[in-house]
PDB file of N, CA and C in Angstrom:
ATOM      1  N   MET A   1      97.487 104.861  74.446  1.00  0.00           N
ATOM      2  CA  MET A   1      96.573 106.407  75.035  1.00  0.00           C
ATOM      3  C   MET A   1      96.526 106.759  76.455  1.00  0.00           C
ATOM      4  N   VAL A   2      96.730 108.115  76.647  1.00  0.00           N
ATOM      5  CA  VAL A   2      97.742 108.435  77.960  1.00  0.00           C
ATOM      6  C   VAL A   2      96.472 108.750  79.074  1.00  0.00           C
ATOM      7  N   GLN A   3      96.630 107.888  80.577  1.00  0.00           N
ATOM      8  CA  GLN A   3      95.414 107.151  80.720  1.00  0.00           C
ATOM      9  C   GLN A   3      94.747 109.044  82.356  1.00  0.00           C
ATOM     10  N   THR A   4      96.418 109.525  82.710  1.00  0.00           N
ATOM     11  CA  THR A   4      96.285 110.299  83.579  1.00  0.00           C
ATOM     12  C   THR A   4      95.172 111.457  83.490  1.00  0.00           C
ATOM     13  N   GLU A   5      94.794 111.859  82.581  1.00  0.00           N
ATOM     14  CA  GLU A   5      93.406 112.901  82.663  1.00  0.00           C
ATOM     15  C   GLU A   5      92.532 112.191  83.076  1.00  0.00           C
ATOM     16  N   PRO A   6      92.179 111.355  82.579  1.00  0.00           N
ATOM     17  CA  PRO A   6      90.560 110.165  82.925  1.00  0.00           C
ATOM     18  C   PRO A   6      90.879 109.851  84.172  1.00  0.00           C
ATOM     19  N   MET A   7      91.575 109.908  85.192  1.00  0.00           N
ATOM     20  CA  MET A   7      92.313 109.669  86.295  1.00  0.00           C
ATOM     21  C   MET A   7      91.784 111.252  86.631  1.00  0.00           C
ATOM     22  N   ALA A   8      92.464 112.113  87.058  1.00  0.00           N
ATOM     23  CA  ALA A   8      92.338 112.955  87.341  1.00  0.00           C
ATOM     24  C   ALA A   8      90.973 113.887  87.828  1.00  0.00           C
ATOM     25  N   LEU A   9      90.213 113.453  86.391  1.00  0.00           N
ATOM     26  CA  LEU A   9      88.880 113.351  86.016  1.00  0.00           C
ATOM     27  C   LEU A   9      88.068 112.863  87.416  1.00  0.00           C
ATOM     28  N   LEU A  10      88.387 111.878  87.314  1.00  0.00           N
ATOM     29  CA  LEU A  10      87.492 110.776  88.063  1.00  0.00           C
ATOM     30  C   LEU A  10      87.799 111.345  90.005  1.00  0.00           C
ATOM     31  N   LEU A  11      89.160 111.585  90.456  1.00  0.00           N
ATOM     32  CA  LEU A  11      89.491 111.381  91.148  1.00  0.00           C
ATOM     33  C   LEU A  11      88.832 113.073  91.901  1.00  0.00           C
ATOM     34  N   ARG A  12      89.016 114.095  90.820  1.00  0.00           N
ATOM     35  CA  ARG A  12      88.144 115.102  90.605  1.00  0.00           C
ATOM     36  C   ARG A  12      86.599 114.734  91.978  1.00  0.00           C
ATOM     37  N   LYS A  13      86.018 114.448  90.823  1.00  0.00           N
ATOM     38  CA  LYS A  13      84.320 113.954  91.073  1.00  0.00           C
ATOM     39  C   LYS A  13      84.951 113.336  92.000  1.00  0.00           C
ATOM     40  N   GLU A  14      85.759 112.526  92.703  1.00  0.00           N
ATOM     41  CA  GLU A  14      84.535 111.269  93.990  1.00  0.00           C
ATOM     42  C   GLU A  14      85.454 111.604  95.073  1.00  0.00           C
ATOM     43  N   LEU A  15      86.748 113.070  94.968  1.00  0.00           N
ATOM     44  CA  LEU A  15      86.726 113.586  96.027  1.00  0.00           C
ATOM     45  C   LEU A  15      86.612 114.737  96.224  1.00  0.00           C
ATOM     46  N   ASN A  16      85.483 115.285  95.294  1.00  0.00           N
ATOM     47  CA  ASN A  16      84.855 117.175  95.466  1.00  0.00           C
ATOM     48  C   ASN A  16      86.167 117.928  95.680  1.00  0.00           C
ATOM     49  N   LEU A  17      87.037 117.426  94.678  1.00  0.00           N
ATOM     50  CA  LEU A  17      88.251 118.356  95.199  1.00  0.00           C
ATOM     51  C   LEU A  17      88.534 118.940  93.500  1.00  0.00           C
ATOM     52  N   GLU A  18      89.188 120.065  93.475  1.00  0.00           N
ATOM     53  CA  GLU A  18      89.597 120.502  92.181  1.00  0.00           C
ATOM     54  C   GLU A  18      91.067 120.805  91.950  1.00  0.00           C
ATOM     55  N   LEU A  19      92.087 120.655  93.424  1.00  0.00           N
ATOM     56  CA  LEU A  19      93.324 120.635  92.960  1.00  0.00           C
ATOM     57  C   LEU A  19      93.853 119.693  92.695  1.00  0.00           C
ATOM     58  N   ILE A  20      93.433 118.975  91.842  1.00  0.00           N
ATOM     59  CA  ILE A  20      94.158 117.622  91.736  1.00  0.00           C
ATOM     60  C   ILE A  20      94.714 118.730  89.414  1.00  0.00           C
ATOM     61  N   ALA A  21      95.581 117.396  89.213  1.00  0.00           N
ATOM     62  CA  ALA A  21      96.283 118.051  88.033  1.00  0.00           C
ATOM     63  C   ALA A  21      96.703 116.606  87.555  1.00  0.00           C
ATOM     64  N   ALA A  22      96.732 116.340  85.902  1.00  0.00           N
ATOM     65  CA  ALA A  22      97.477 115.556  85.504  1.00  0.00           C
ATOM     66  C   ALA A  22      98.430 115.944  84.348  1.00  0.00           C
ATOM     67  N   VAL A  23      99.283 114.402  84.611  1.00  0.00           N
ATOM     68  CA  VAL A  23     100.466 116.087  83.526  1.00  0.00           C
ATOM     69  C   VAL A  23     101.001 114.062  82.849  1.00  0.00           C
ATOM     70  N   HIS A  24     101.752 114.333  81.606  1.00  0.00           N
ATOM     71  CA  HIS A  24     102.336 113.566  81.120  1.00  0.00           C
ATOM     72  C   HIS A  24     103.455 114.247  80.632  1.00  0.00           C
ATOM     73  N   SER A  25     104.386 112.849  79.902  1.00  0.00           N
ATOM     74  CA  SER A  25     105.620 113.889  78.755  1.00  0.00           C
ATOM     75  C   SER A  25     105.386 114.223  78.120  1.00  0.00           C
ATOM     76  N   GLN A  26     103.996 114.411  77.374  1.00  0.00           N
ATOM     77  CA  GLN A  26     103.662 115.065  75.757  1.00  0.00           C
ATOM     78  C   GLN A  26     103.260 116.372  77.028  1.00  0.00           C
ATOM     79  N   ASP A  27     102.636 116.896  77.847  1.00  0.00           N
ATOM     80  CA  ASP A  27     102.044 117.409  78.044  1.00  0.00           C
ATOM     81  C   ASP A  27     102.557 119.435  78.155  1.00  0.00           C
ATOM     82  N   PRO A  28     102.290 120.286  77.424  1.00  0.00           N
ATOM     83  CA  PRO A  28     103.479 121.334  76.959  1.00  0.00           C
ATOM     84  C   PRO A  28     103.073 122.052  78.892  1.00  0.00           C
ATOM     85  N   ASP A  29     102.429 121.844  79.429  1.00  0.00           N
ATOM     86  CA  ASP A  29     102.157 122.846  80.405  1.00  0.00           C
ATOM     87  C   ASP A  29     102.836 121.646  82.323  1.00  0.00           C
ATOM     88  N   ARG A  30     103.807 120.256  81.729  1.00  0.00           N
ATOM     89  CA  ARG A  30     104.194 119.640  82.000  1.00  0.00           C
ATOM     90  C   ARG A  30     105.274 120.521  83.777  1.00  0.00           C
ATOM     91  N   ALA A  31     105.747 121.445  83.277  1.00  0.00           N
ATOM     92  CA  ALA A  31     106.842 121.785  84.226  1.00  0.00           C
ATOM     93  C   ALA A  31     106.342 122.784  85.047  1.00  0.00           C
ATOM     94  N   ASP A  32     105.335 123.402  84.040  1.00  0.00           N
ATOM     95  CA  ASP A  32     104.401 124.480  86.175  1.00  0.00           C
ATOM     96  C   ASP A  32     103.476 123.652  86.192  1.00  0.00           C
ATOM     97  N   LYS A  33     102.815 122.389  86.034  1.00  0.00           N
ATOM     98  CA  LYS A  33     102.039 121.439  86.910  1.00  0.00           C
ATOM     99  C   LYS A  33     103.086 121.010  87.558  1.00  0.00           C
ATOM    100  N   VAL A  34     104.352 120.307  87.715  1.00  0.00           N
ATOM    101  CA  VAL A  34     105.110 119.757  88.844  1.00  0.00           C
ATOM    102  C   VAL A  34     105.390 121.207  89.726  1.00  0.00           C
ATOM    103  N   GLN A  35     105.411 122.082  89.230  1.00  0.00           N
ATOM    104  CA  GLN A  35     106.372 123.681  90.219  1.00  0.00           C
ATOM    105  C   GLN A  35     104.922 123.979  91.094  1.00  0.00           C
ATOM    106  N   GLN A  36     103.522 123.692  90.375  1.00  0.00           N
ATOM    107  CA  GLN A  36     102.204 123.595  91.036  1.00  0.00           C
ATOM    108  C   GLN A  36     102.705 122.693  91.948  1.00  0.00           C
ATOM    109  N   PHE A  37     102.576 121.704  91.570  1.00  0.00           N
ATOM    110  CA  PHE A  37     102.867 120.931  93.164  1.00  0.00           C
ATOM    111  C   PHE A  37     103.551 120.731  93.969  1.00  0.00           C
ATOM    112  N   ARG A  38     104.444 121.101  93.940  1.00  0.00           N
ATOM    113  CA  ARG A  38     106.031 121.657  94.596  1.00  0.00           C
ATOM    114  C   ARG A  38     105.599 122.658  95.458  1.00  0.00           C
ATOM    115  N   ARG A  39     104.702 123.459  95.222  1.00  0.00           N
ATOM    116  CA  ARG A  39     104.415 124.676  95.849  1.00  0.00           C
ATOM    117  C   ARG A  39     103.452 124.348  96.852  1.00  0.00           C
ATOM    118  N   ARG A  40     102.856 123.193  96.512  1.00  0.00           N
ATOM    119  CA  ARG A  40     101.627 122.344  97.129  1.00  0.00           C
ATOM    120  C   ARG A  40     100.017 123.590  96.734  1.00  0.00           C
ATOM    121  N   GLU A  41     100.127 123.981  95.887  1.00  0.00           N
ATOM    122  CA  GLU A  41      98.730 124.847  94.835  1.00  0.00           C
ATOM    123  C   GLU A  41      97.873 123.491  94.425  1.00  0.00           C
ATOM    124  N   LEU A  42      98.392 122.134  94.130  1.00  0.00           N
ATOM    125  CA  LEU A  42      98.278 121.082  93.653  1.00  0.00           C
ATOM    126  C   LEU A  42      97.884 120.076  94.853  1.00  0.00           C
ATOM    127  N   ARG A  43      96.861 119.382  95.192  1.00  0.00           N
ATOM    128  CA  ARG A  43      96.951 118.314  96.319  1.00  0.00           C
ATOM    129  C   ARG A  43      97.746 117.094  95.760  1.00  0.00           C
ATOM    130  N   ILE A  44      96.834 116.849  94.068  1.00  0.00           N
ATOM    131  CA  ILE A  44      96.955 115.495  93.661  1.00  0.00           C
ATOM    132  C   ILE A  44      97.638 115.993  92.906  1.00  0.00           C
ATOM    133  N   LEU A  45      98.708 114.978  92.449  1.00  0.00           N
ATOM    134  CA  LEU A  45      99.296 115.463  91.147  1.00  0.00           C
ATOM    135  C   LEU A  45      99.460 113.855  89.928  1.00  0.00           C
ATOM    136  N   VAL A  46      98.607 112.904  89.526  1.00  0.00           N
ATOM    137  CA  VAL A  46      98.294 112.056  88.805  1.00  0.00           C
ATOM    138  C   VAL A  46      99.396 112.222  86.834  1.00  0.00           C
ATOM    139  N   THR A  47     100.614 111.416  87.698  1.00  0.00           N
ATOM    140  CA  THR A  47     101.963 111.607  86.473  1.00  0.00           C
ATOM    141  C   THR A  47     101.583 110.250  85.704  1.00  0.00           C
ATOM    142  N   THR A  48     102.300 109.921  84.380  1.00  0.00           N
ATOM    143  CA  THR A  48     102.881 108.576  83.938  1.00  0.00           C
ATOM    144  C   THR A  48     104.415 108.635  84.929  1.00  0.00           C
ATOM    145  N   THR A  49     105.177 107.683  84.404  1.00  0.00           N
ATOM    146  CA  THR A  49     106.405 107.289  85.133  1.00  0.00           C
ATOM    147  C   THR A  49     107.185 109.074  84.808  1.00  0.00           C
ATOM    148  N   ILE A  50     107.240 109.749  84.478  1.00  0.00           N
ATOM    149  CA  ILE A  50     107.601 110.977  83.832  1.00  0.00           C
ATOM    150  C   ILE A  50     108.794 111.176  85.528  1.00  0.00           C
ATOM    151  N   LEU A  51     107.779 111.563  86.675  1.00  0.00           N
ATOM    152  CA  LEU A  51     108.667 111.768  87.799  1.00  0.00           C
ATOM    153  C   LEU A  51     109.268 110.183  88.448  1.00  0.00           C
ATOM    154  N   GLU A  52     109.585 109.404  87.811  1.00  0.00           N
ATOM    155  CA  GLU A  52     110.029 108.680  88.437  1.00  0.00           C
ATOM    156  C   GLU A  52     111.143 108.618  89.051  1.00  0.00           C
ATOM    157  N   ARG A  53     112.339 109.763  88.469  1.00  0.00           N
ATOM    158  CA  ARG A  53     113.690 109.914  88.854  1.00  0.00           C
ATOM    159  C   ARG A  53     113.397 111.406  88.877  1.00  0.00           C
ATOM    160  N   GLY A  54     114.641 111.718  90.404  1.00  0.00           N
ATOM    161  CA  GLY A  54     115.210 112.950  89.793  1.00  0.00           C
ATOM    162  C   GLY A  54     113.713 114.488  90.855  1.00  0.00           C
ATOM    163  N   VAL A  55     113.182 113.771  91.049  1.00  0.00           N
ATOM    164  CA  VAL A  55     111.870 115.001  91.749  1.00  0.00           C
ATOM    165  C   VAL A  55     111.625 114.950  93.051  1.00  0.00           C
ATOM    166  N   THR A  56     111.885 115.663  93.905  1.00  0.00           N
ATOM    167  CA  THR A  56     111.700 115.429  95.030  1.00  0.00           C
ATOM    168  C   THR A  56     110.581 116.471  95.305  1.00  0.00           C
ATOM    169  N   VAL A  57     109.294 116.148  96.126  1.00  0.00           N
ATOM    170  CA  VAL A  57     108.095 116.869  96.216  1.00  0.00           C
ATOM    171  C   VAL A  57     108.310 116.564  97.746  1.00  0.00           C
ATOM    172  N   PRO A  58     108.511 117.058  98.934  1.00  0.00           N
ATOM    173  CA  PRO A  58     107.788 116.962 100.322  1.00  0.00           C
ATOM    174  C   PRO A  58     106.740 116.430 101.012  1.00  0.00           C
ATOM    175  N   GLN A  59     106.903 115.784 101.814  1.00  0.00           N
ATOM    176  CA  GLN A  59     105.113 115.171 102.751  1.00  0.00           C
ATOM    177  C   GLN A  59     104.240 114.509 101.802  1.00  0.00           C
ATOM    178  N   SER A  60     105.397 113.795 100.099  1.00  0.00           N
ATOM    179  CA  SER A  60     104.213 112.900  98.698  1.00  0.00           C
ATOM    180  C   SER A  60     103.907 111.731  99.518  1.00  0.00           C
ATOM    181  N   ASP A  61     102.849 111.058  99.971  1.00  0.00           N
ATOM    182  CA  ASP A  61     102.637 109.607  99.239  1.00  0.00           C
ATOM    183  C   ASP A  61     102.693 109.203  97.994  1.00  0.00           C
ATOM    184  N   VAL A  62     102.570 107.783  97.376  1.00  0.00           N
ATOM    185  CA  VAL A  62     103.095 107.959  96.313  1.00  0.00           C
ATOM    186  C   VAL A  62     102.258 106.547  96.068  1.00  0.00           C
ATOM    187  N   PHE A  63     100.981 106.399  94.945  1.00  0.00           N
ATOM    188  CA  PHE A  63     100.553 105.287  94.825  1.00  0.00           C
ATOM    189  C   PHE A  63     100.808 105.010  93.520  1.00  0.00           C
ATOM    190  N   ILE A  64     101.088 103.655  92.797  1.00  0.00           N
ATOM    191  CA  ILE A  64     101.334 103.602  91.414  1.00  0.00           C
ATOM    192  C   ILE A  64     100.301 103.117  90.910  1.00  0.00           C
ATOM    193  N   LEU A  65      99.728 102.827  89.933  1.00  0.00           N
ATOM    194  CA  LEU A  65      98.265 102.332  89.680  1.00  0.00           C
ATOM    195  C   LEU A  65      99.065 100.878  88.411  1.00  0.00           C
ATOM    196  N   ASP A  66      98.526  99.913  88.183  1.00  0.00           N
ATOM    197  CA  ASP A  66      98.909  98.089  87.315  1.00  0.00           C
ATOM    198  C   ASP A  66      99.735  98.229  87.918  1.00  0.00           C
ATOM    199  N   ALA A  67     100.474  98.190  89.779  1.00  0.00           N
ATOM    200  CA  ALA A  67     101.719  98.309  89.753  1.00  0.00           C
ATOM    201  C   ALA A  67     102.117  96.905  89.216  1.00  0.00           C
ATOM    202  N   ASP A  68     101.365  95.809  88.609  1.00  0.00           N
ATOM    203  CA  ASP A  68     101.776  94.726  88.927  1.00  0.00           C
ATOM    204  C   ASP A  68     101.519  94.608  86.944  1.00  0.00           C
ATOM    205  N   GLY A  69     101.577  95.103  86.630  1.00  0.00           N
ATOM    206  CA  GLY A  69     101.656  95.623  84.944  1.00  0.00           C
ATOM    207  C   GLY A  69     102.576  95.326  84.685  1.00  0.00           C
ATOM    208  N   ARG A  70     103.692  94.971  83.491  1.00  0.00           N
ATOM    209  CA  ARG A  70     105.022  94.610  82.894  1.00  0.00           C
ATOM    210  C   ARG A  70     105.359  95.534  82.671  1.00  0.00           C
ATOM    211  N   LEU A  71     104.725  96.797  82.652  1.00  0.00           N
ATOM    212  CA  LEU A  71     105.509  98.191  82.729  1.00  0.00           C
ATOM    213  C   LEU A  71     106.800  97.734  83.813  1.00  0.00           C
ATOM    214  N   PHE A  72     106.543  97.665  84.471  1.00  0.00           N
ATOM    215  CA  PHE A  72     106.930  97.625  85.470  1.00  0.00           C
ATOM    216  C   PHE A  72     108.203  96.440  86.088  1.00  0.00           C
ATOM    217  N   ASP A  73     109.311  96.698  86.342  1.00  0.00           N
ATOM    218  CA  ASP A  73     109.933  96.009  87.029  1.00  0.00           C
ATOM    219  C   ASP A  73     110.360  96.105  88.305  1.00  0.00           C
ATOM    220  N   SER A  74     111.272  95.551  89.494  1.00  0.00           N
ATOM    221  CA  SER A  74     111.851  96.165  90.548  1.00  0.00           C
ATOM    222  C   SER A  74     112.451  97.915  90.543  1.00  0.00           C
ATOM    223  N   SER A  75     112.769  97.437  89.630  1.00  0.00           N
ATOM    224  CA  SER A  75     114.222  98.605  89.806  1.00  0.00           C
ATOM    225  C   SER A  75     112.779  99.576  89.632  1.00  0.00           C
ATOM    226  N   SER A  76     111.979  99.901  88.760  1.00  0.00           N
ATOM    227  CA  SER A  76     110.986 101.454  88.754  1.00  0.00           C
ATOM    228  C   SER A  76     110.368 101.059  89.691  1.00  0.00           C
ATOM    229  N   LEU A  77     110.033 100.199  90.505  1.00  0.00           N
ATOM    230  CA  LEU A  77     109.170 100.678  90.934  1.00  0.00           C
ATOM    231  C   LEU A  77     109.451 101.008  92.393  1.00  0.00           C
ATOM    232  N   VAL A  78     111.004 101.099  92.784  1.00  0.00           N
ATOM    233  CA  VAL A  78     111.998 100.909  93.682  1.00  0.00           C
ATOM    234  C   VAL A  78     111.965 102.807  93.299  1.00  0.00           C
ATOM    235  N   GLN A  79     112.115 102.623  92.288  1.00  0.00           N
ATOM    236  CA  GLN A  79     112.461 104.576  92.020  1.00  0.00           C
ATOM    237  C   GLN A  79     111.155 105.495  92.158  1.00  0.00           C
ATOM    238  N   MET A  80     109.949 104.859  91.711  1.00  0.00           N
ATOM    239  CA  MET A  80     108.851 105.340  91.714  1.00  0.00           C
ATOM    240  C   MET A  80     108.731 105.531  93.488  1.00  0.00           C
ATOM    241  N   ALA A  81     108.729 104.242  94.165  1.00  0.00           N
ATOM    242  CA  ALA A  81     108.785 104.280  95.387  1.00  0.00           C
ATOM    243  C   ALA A  81     109.469 105.448  96.618  1.00  0.00           C
ATOM    244  N   GLY A  82     110.763 105.818  96.099  1.00  0.00           N
ATOM    245  CA  GLY A  82     111.359 106.542  96.481  1.00  0.00           C
ATOM    246  C   GLY A  82     111.846 107.741  96.414  1.00  0.00           C
ATOM    247  N   ARG A  83     110.078 108.729  95.746  1.00  0.00           N
ATOM    248  CA  ARG A  83     109.761 109.777  95.913  1.00  0.00           C
ATOM    249  C   ARG A  83     108.949 110.065  97.042  1.00  0.00           C
ATOM    250  N   ALA A  84     108.750 108.956  97.412  1.00  0.00           N
ATOM    251  CA  ALA A  84     107.706 109.043  99.107  1.00  0.00           C
ATOM    252  C   ALA A  84     108.916 109.742 100.166  1.00  0.00           C
ATOM    253  N   GLY A  85     108.679 110.307 101.313  1.00  0.00           N
ATOM    254  CA  GLY A  85     109.134 110.039 102.766  1.00  0.00           C
ATOM    255  C   GLY A  85     110.738 111.359 101.949  1.00  0.00           C
ATOM    256  N   ARG A  86     110.564 112.888 101.437  1.00  0.00           N
ATOM    257  CA  ARG A  86     111.988 112.496 101.410  1.00  0.00           C
ATOM    258  C   ARG A  86     112.147 113.807 101.329  1.00  0.00           C
ATOM    259  N   SER A  87     111.545 114.002 102.991  1.00  0.00           N
ATOM    260  CA  SER A  87     111.296 115.275 103.718  1.00  0.00           C
ATOM    261  C   SER A  87     112.332 115.102 105.572  1.00  0.00           C
ATOM    262  N   GLY A  88     112.695 115.545 105.893  1.00  0.00           N
ATOM    263  CA  GLY A  88     112.891 115.155 107.058  1.00  0.00           C
ATOM    264  C   GLY A  88     111.622 115.780 107.680  1.00  0.00           C
ATOM    265  N   ASP A  89     110.778 117.090 107.452  1.00  0.00           N
ATOM    266  CA  ASP A  89     109.563 117.089 108.603  1.00  0.00           C
ATOM    267  C   ASP A  89     108.463 116.418 107.802  1.00  0.00           C
ATOM    268  N   ASP A  90     108.871 114.762 106.914  1.00  0.00           N
ATOM    269  CA  ASP A  90     108.141 113.569 106.947  1.00  0.00           C
ATOM    270  C   ASP A  90     108.390 112.717 106.218  1.00  0.00           C
ATOM    271  N   PRO A  91     109.503 112.082 106.845  1.00  0.00           N
ATOM    272  CA  PRO A  91     109.803 111.174 106.034  1.00  0.00           C
ATOM    273  C   PRO A  91     109.600 109.901 106.255  1.00  0.00           C
ATOM    274  N   LYS A  92     108.461 109.087 106.621  1.00  0.00           N
ATOM    275  CA  LYS A  92     107.540 108.403 106.797  1.00  0.00           C
ATOM    276  C   LYS A  92     106.681 108.365 105.586  1.00  0.00           C
ATOM    277  N   GLY A  93     106.884 108.397 104.360  1.00  0.00           N
ATOM    278  CA  GLY A  93     106.149 108.645 103.485  1.00  0.00           C
ATOM    279  C   GLY A  93     105.211 107.664 102.973  1.00  0.00           C
ATOM    280  N   PHE A  94     104.373 107.032 102.325  1.00  0.00           N
ATOM    281  CA  PHE A  94     103.491 106.101 101.765  1.00  0.00           C
ATOM    282  C   PHE A  94     103.701 105.707 100.492  1.00  0.00           C
ATOM    283  N   VAL A  95     104.047 104.092 100.517  1.00  0.00           N
ATOM    284  CA  VAL A  95     103.819 103.545  99.111  1.00  0.00           C
ATOM    285  C   VAL A  95     102.692 102.837  98.614  1.00  0.00           C
ATOM    286  N   TYR A  96     101.760 102.756  97.801  1.00  0.00           N
ATOM    287  CA  TYR A  96     100.910 102.149  97.865  1.00  0.00           C
ATOM    288  C   TYR A  96     100.805 101.537  96.239  1.00  0.00           C
ATOM    289  N   PHE A  97     101.359 100.275  95.850  1.00  0.00           N
ATOM    290  CA  PHE A  97     100.830  99.256  95.306  1.00  0.00           C
ATOM    291  C   PHE A  97      99.264  99.030  94.426  1.00  0.00           C
ATOM    292  N   CYS A  98      98.999  99.825  94.181  1.00  0.00           N
ATOM    293  CA  CYS A  98      97.124  99.360  93.517  1.00  0.00           C
ATOM    294  C   CYS A  98      97.397  98.132  92.549  1.00  0.00           C
ATOM    295  N   ALA A  99      97.050  97.243  92.108  1.00  0.00           N
ATOM    296  CA  ALA A  99      97.336  95.951  91.369  1.00  0.00           C
ATOM    297  C   ALA A  99      96.504  95.128  91.808  1.00  0.00           C
ATOM    298  N   LEU A 100      96.005  94.733  90.685  1.00  0.00           N
ATOM    299  CA  LEU A 100      95.255  93.711  90.979  1.00  0.00           C
ATOM    300  C   LEU A 100      95.556  92.406  91.305  1.00  0.00           C
ATOM    301  N   GLU A 101      96.754  91.455  90.911  1.00  0.00           N
ATOM    302  CA  GLU A 101      97.347  91.119  91.999  1.00  0.00           C
ATOM    303  C   GLU A 101      98.429  91.685  92.431  1.00  0.00           C
ATOM    304  N   ARG A 102      99.865  90.227  93.237  1.00  0.00           N
ATOM    305  CA  ARG A 102     101.038  90.852  93.402  1.00  0.00           C
ATOM    306  C   ARG A 102     101.611  90.484  92.164  1.00  0.00           C
ATOM    307  N   SER A 103     103.508  90.895  92.096  1.00  0.00           N
ATOM    308  CA  SER A 103     103.390  90.739  91.041  1.00  0.00           C
ATOM    309  C   SER A 103     104.931  90.203  91.443  1.00  0.00           C
ATOM    310  N   ARG A 104     105.724  89.457  90.656  1.00  0.00           N
ATOM    311  CA  ARG A 104     107.431  89.696  91.586  1.00  0.00           C
ATOM    312  C   ARG A 104     108.160  90.794  91.215  1.00  0.00           C
ATOM    313  N   SER A 105     107.814  92.045  90.282  1.00  0.00           N
ATOM    314  CA  SER A 105     108.166  92.822  90.657  1.00  0.00           C
ATOM    315  C   SER A 105     107.969  93.199  91.853  1.00  0.00           C
ATOM    316  N   GLN A 106     106.277  93.294  92.280  1.00  0.00           N
ATOM    317  CA  GLN A 106     106.705  94.359  93.669  1.00  0.00           C
ATOM    318  C   GLN A 106     106.967  93.499  94.804  1.00  0.00           C
ATOM    319  N   LEU A 107     107.364  92.269  94.688  1.00  0.00           N
ATOM    320  CA  LEU A 107     107.656  91.188  95.870  1.00  0.00           C
ATOM    321  C   LEU A 107     108.837  91.848  95.835  1.00  0.00           C
ATOM    322  N   GLY A 108     109.806  91.896  95.058  1.00  0.00           N
ATOM    323  CA  GLY A 108     111.244  92.092  94.943  1.00  0.00           C
ATOM    324  C   GLY A 108     111.687  93.250  95.076  1.00  0.00           C
ATOM    325  N   ALA A 109     110.867  94.500  94.517  1.00  0.00           N
ATOM    326  CA  ALA A 109     110.757  95.760  95.231  1.00  0.00           C
ATOM    327  C   ALA A 109     110.089  96.281  96.723  1.00  0.00           C
ATOM    328  N   VAL A 110     109.228  95.760  97.383  1.00  0.00           N
ATOM    329  CA  VAL A 110     109.301  95.346  98.739  1.00  0.00           C
ATOM    330  C   VAL A 110     110.451  95.298  99.204  1.00  0.00           C
ATOM    331  N   LYS A 111     110.916  93.721  99.358  1.00  0.00           N
ATOM    332  CA  LYS A 111     111.858  93.612  99.578  1.00  0.00           C
ATOM    333  C   LYS A 111     113.709  94.297  99.503  1.00  0.00           C
ATOM    334  N   GLN A 112     114.166  94.965  98.097  1.00  0.00           N
ATOM    335  CA  GLN A 112     114.791  95.347  98.065  1.00  0.00           C
ATOM    336  C   GLN A 112     114.849  96.795  99.003  1.00  0.00           C
ATOM    337  N   ILE A 113     113.510  97.532  98.725  1.00  0.00           N
ATOM    338  CA  ILE A 113     112.916  98.153  99.725  1.00  0.00           C
ATOM    339  C   ILE A 113     113.385  98.049 101.442  1.00  0.00           C
ATOM    340  N   ARG A 114     112.823  97.361 101.920  1.00  0.00           N
ATOM    341  CA  ARG A 114     112.736  96.707 103.358  1.00  0.00           C
ATOM    342  C   ARG A 114     114.449  97.032 103.625  1.00  0.00           C
ATOM    343  N   SER A 115     115.214  96.089 102.756  1.00  0.00           N
ATOM    344  CA  SER A 115     116.186  95.688 103.056  1.00  0.00           C
ATOM    345  C   SER A 115     117.099  97.197 103.031  1.00  0.00           C
ATOM    346  N   MET A 116     117.204  98.279 101.596  1.00  0.00           N
ATOM    347  CA  MET A 116     117.414  99.160 102.000  1.00  0.00           C
ATOM    348  C   MET A 116     117.811  99.778 103.163  1.00  0.00           C
ATOM    349  N   ASN A 117     116.396 100.410 103.605  1.00  0.00           N
ATOM    350  CA  ASN A 117     116.239 100.598 104.766  1.00  0.00           C
ATOM    351  C   ASN A 117     116.829 100.604 106.134  1.00  0.00           C
ATOM    352  N   LYS A 118     116.474  98.963 106.029  1.00  0.00           N
ATOM    353  CA  LYS A 118     117.327  98.469 107.985  1.00  0.00           C
ATOM    354  C   LYS A 118     118.725  98.384 106.980  1.00  0.00           C
ATOM    355  N   THR A 119     119.832  98.812 106.602  1.00  0.00           N
ATOM    356  CA  THR A 119     121.098  99.351 105.704  1.00  0.00           C
ATOM    357  C   THR A 119     120.704 100.804 106.562  1.00  0.00           C
ATOM    358  N   ALA A 120     120.170 101.239 105.861  1.00  0.00           N
ATOM    359  CA  ALA A 120     119.862 103.115 106.219  1.00  0.00           C
ATOM    360  C   ALA A 120     120.085 103.435 107.382  1.00  0.00           C
ATOM    361  N   ARG A 121     118.530 102.576 108.361  1.00  0.00           N
ATOM    362  CA  ARG A 121     118.730 102.618 109.970  1.00  0.00           C
ATOM    363  C   ARG A 121     120.225 102.323 110.515  1.00  0.00           C
ATOM    364  N   SER A 122     120.634 101.631 110.717  1.00  0.00           N
ATOM    365  CA  SER A 122     121.178 100.874 111.354  1.00  0.00           C
ATOM    366  C   SER A 122     122.831 101.217 110.550  1.00  0.00           C
ATOM    367  N   ALA A 123     122.427 102.977 109.924  1.00  0.00           N
ATOM    368  CA  ALA A 123     124.454 103.240 109.556  1.00  0.00           C
ATOM    369  C   ALA A 123     123.047 105.115 110.275  1.00  0.00           C
ATOM    370  N   GLY A 124     121.938 105.310 110.699  1.00  0.00           N
ATOM    371  CA  GLY A 124     121.624 106.634 111.403  1.00  0.00           C
ATOM    372  C   GLY A 124     121.204 106.917 110.605  1.00  0.00           C
ATOM    373  N   TYR A 125     120.800 107.098 109.464  1.00  0.00           N
ATOM    374  CA  TYR A 125     119.869 107.969 108.066  1.00  0.00           C
ATOM    375  C   TYR A 125     118.501 107.603 108.782  1.00  0.00           C
ATOM    376  N   LEU A 126     117.884 106.944 109.727  1.00  0.00           N
ATOM    377  CA  LEU A 126     116.904 106.975 109.281  1.00  0.00           C
ATOM    378  C   LEU A 126     116.497 106.865 110.898  1.00  0.00           C
ATOM    379  N   LEU A 127     114.979 106.842 111.577  1.00  0.00           N
ATOM    380  CA  LEU A 127     114.813 106.501 112.309  1.00  0.00           C
ATOM    381  C   LEU A 127     114.613 105.493 113.132  1.00  0.00           C
ATOM    382  N   PRO A 128     114.592 104.828 114.513  1.00  0.00           N
ATOM    383  CA  PRO A 128     114.902 103.854 114.761  1.00  0.00           C
ATOM    384  C   PRO A 128     112.635 103.142 114.599  1.00  0.00           C
TER     385      PRO A 128
END
């Protein structure tokens, strides 16, 4: 069962904010919701891993729920984390691995991201 809508409902209630939507791969309004998020008509978009690759939304942070789950290996966590900070205006997007415990996949993803950032910084692609 897709848990995006219950999470969006919880966030709407707790944050007292209506500009929150949920989307998943079978959602017939998926493309429209993603566009609304890109246009900043939505403040929060709760998704499954459908936005793992190829989507750039400037000035976005990423929260990965159940980041310790078996579904997520280091590579998928790196891909999802890569959705944050994809703008010259806001290059330091934040990534949060939300989990009950640290997993090898999370630790591996953090190590890989730090290594890639170090390489990019030394090549002049990132600010010091």
